[in-house]
C-alpha atoms as a PDB file:
ATOM      1  CA  MET A   1     -10.893 -58.738  36.970  1.00  0.00           C
ATOM      2  CA  PRO A   2      -8.530 -57.300  39.576  1.00  0.00           C
ATOM      3  CA  GLU A   3      -6.379 -59.798  41.473  1.00  0.00           C
ATOM      4  CA  GLU A   4      -7.888 -58.785  44.835  1.00  0.00           C
ATOM      5  CA  ASP A   5     -11.322 -59.888  43.599  1.00  0.00           C
ATOM      6  CA  LEU A   6      -9.997 -63.404  42.933  1.00  0.00           C
ATOM      7  CA  SER A   7      -8.618 -63.660  46.451  1.00  0.00           C
ATOM      8  CA  ARG A   8     -12.150 -63.503  47.855  1.00  0.00           C
ATOM      9  CA  LEU A   9     -13.076 -66.876  46.331  1.00  0.00           C
ATOM     10  CA  HIS A  10     -12.166 -69.773  48.613  1.00  0.00           C
ATOM     11  CA  CYS A  11     -12.080 -73.364  47.367  1.00  0.00           C
ATOM     12  CA  ARG A  12     -13.148 -75.817  50.077  1.00  0.00           C
ATOM     13  CA  VAL A  13     -11.755 -78.914  48.351  1.00  0.00           C
ATOM     14  CA  GLY A  14      -9.260 -79.662  51.150  1.00  0.00           C
ATOM     15  CA  GLU A  15     -11.898 -79.301  53.849  1.00  0.00           C
ATOM     16  CA  LEU A  16     -14.398 -81.485  52.016  1.00  0.00           C
ATOM     17  CA  ALA A  17     -11.780 -84.156  51.340  1.00  0.00           C
ATOM     18  CA  ALA A  18     -10.771 -84.201  55.022  1.00  0.00           C
ATOM     19  CA  GLU A  19     -14.411 -84.486  56.111  1.00  0.00           C
ATOM     20  CA  ARG A  20     -14.705 -87.566  53.911  1.00  0.00           C
ATOM     21  CA  GLY A  21     -11.448 -89.117  55.104  1.00  0.00           C
ATOM     22  CA  LEU A  22      -9.703 -88.654  51.760  1.00  0.00           C
ATOM     23  CA  THR A  23      -6.132 -87.536  51.295  1.00  0.00           C
ATOM     24  CA  LEU A  24      -5.399 -85.086  48.506  1.00  0.00           C
ATOM     25  CA  THR A  25      -3.467 -87.840  46.737  1.00  0.00           C
ATOM     26  CA  GLU A  26      -6.505 -90.144  46.823  1.00  0.00           C
ATOM     27  CA  LEU A  27      -8.783 -87.363  45.633  1.00  0.00           C
ATOM     28  CA  ALA A  28      -6.442 -86.408  42.786  1.00  0.00           C
ATOM     29  CA  GLU A  29      -6.404 -90.042  41.611  1.00  0.00           C
ATOM     30  CA  ARG A  30     -10.215 -90.301  41.765  1.00  0.00           C
ATOM     31  CA  VAL A  31     -10.676 -87.036  39.889  1.00  0.00           C
ATOM     32  CA  GLY A  32      -7.944 -87.685  37.336  1.00  0.00           C
ATOM     33  CA  ILE A  33      -5.905 -84.528  37.925  1.00  0.00           C
ATOM     34  CA  SER A  34      -2.388 -84.040  39.198  1.00  0.00           C
ATOM     35  CA  LEU A  35      -1.720 -83.506  42.884  1.00  0.00           C
ATOM     36  CA  VAL A  36      -0.078 -80.202  41.936  1.00  0.00           C
ATOM     37  CA  ASN A  37      -3.250 -78.941  40.218  1.00  0.00           C
ATOM     38  CA  LEU A  38      -5.400 -80.090  43.133  1.00  0.00           C
ATOM     39  CA  SER A  39      -3.087 -78.229  45.512  1.00  0.00           C
ATOM     40  CA  VAL A  40      -3.440 -75.091  43.385  1.00  0.00           C
ATOM     41  CA  LEU A  41      -7.207 -75.321  43.898  1.00  0.00           C
ATOM     42  CA  LYS A  42      -6.881 -76.093  47.603  1.00  0.00           C
ATOM     43  CA  ASN A  43      -4.580 -73.133  48.196  1.00  0.00           C
ATOM     44  CA  ASP A  44      -6.860 -70.687  46.357  1.00  0.00           C
ATOM     45  CA  ARG A  45      -4.351 -70.035  43.588  1.00  0.00           C
ATOM     46  CA  ALA A  46      -6.460 -71.268  40.671  1.00  0.00           C
ATOM     47  CA  ARG A  47      -7.633 -68.685  38.201  1.00  0.00           C
ATOM     48  CA  ALA A  48     -10.050 -71.046  36.434  1.00  0.00           C
ATOM     49  CA  ILE A  49     -11.460 -74.568  36.609  1.00  0.00           C
ATOM     50  CA  ARG A  50     -12.722 -76.764  33.786  1.00  0.00           C
ATOM     51  CA  PHE A  51     -16.292 -77.930  34.056  1.00  0.00           C
ATOM     52  CA  THR A  52     -15.091 -81.520  33.582  1.00  0.00           C
ATOM     53  CA  THR A  53     -12.818 -81.128  36.621  1.00  0.00           C
ATOM     54  CA  LEU A  54     -15.595 -79.508  38.622  1.00  0.00           C
ATOM     55  CA  ILE A  55     -17.980 -82.362  37.805  1.00  0.00           C
ATOM     56  CA  ALA A  56     -15.336 -84.974  38.673  1.00  0.00           C
ATOM     57  CA  LEU A  57     -14.631 -83.253  42.017  1.00  0.00           C
ATOM     58  CA  CYS A  58     -18.339 -83.162  42.836  1.00  0.00           C
ATOM     59  CA  ASP A  59     -18.713 -86.841  41.934  1.00  0.00           C
ATOM     60  CA  ALA A  60     -15.694 -87.839  44.029  1.00  0.00           C
ATOM     61  CA  LEU A  61     -16.761 -85.749  47.021  1.00  0.00           C
ATOM     62  CA  GLY A  62     -20.506 -86.338  46.744  1.00  0.00           C
ATOM     63  CA  CYS A  63     -21.265 -82.631  46.688  1.00  0.00           C
ATOM     64  CA  GLN A  64     -22.633 -79.822  44.539  1.00  0.00           C
ATOM     65  CA  PRO A  65     -20.480 -77.130  42.866  1.00  0.00           C
ATOM     66  CA  GLY A  66     -21.725 -74.559  45.379  1.00  0.00           C
ATOM     67  CA  ASP A  67     -20.356 -76.704  48.211  1.00  0.00           C
ATOM     68  CA  LEU A  68     -16.841 -76.397  46.792  1.00  0.00           C
ATOM     69  CA  PHE A  69     -16.622 -72.616  46.806  1.00  0.00           C
ATOM     70  CA  GLU A  70     -17.404 -69.762  49.127  1.00  0.00           C
ATOM     71  CA  MET A  71     -16.931 -66.013  48.969  1.00  0.00           C
ATOM     72  CA  ARG A  72     -14.982 -64.312  51.723  1.00  0.00           C
ATOM     73  CA  ASP A  73     -14.992 -60.655  52.707  1.00  0.00           C
END
């Protein structure tokens, strides 16, 4: 997959955390991942995500997987 295709996928984890009054540090602790890895997701630099991490993020944020990601033009 070309790199430019990956840049179209936006992870909304930072926005969803802010809407729920959570800091990234709090969210990382609840999910059980490092702050660095959460920041990679937030800044759209991740190339993959484990299903276990995705499920933990959804549980912590009270959302569905589709709420975490959006495609941009």
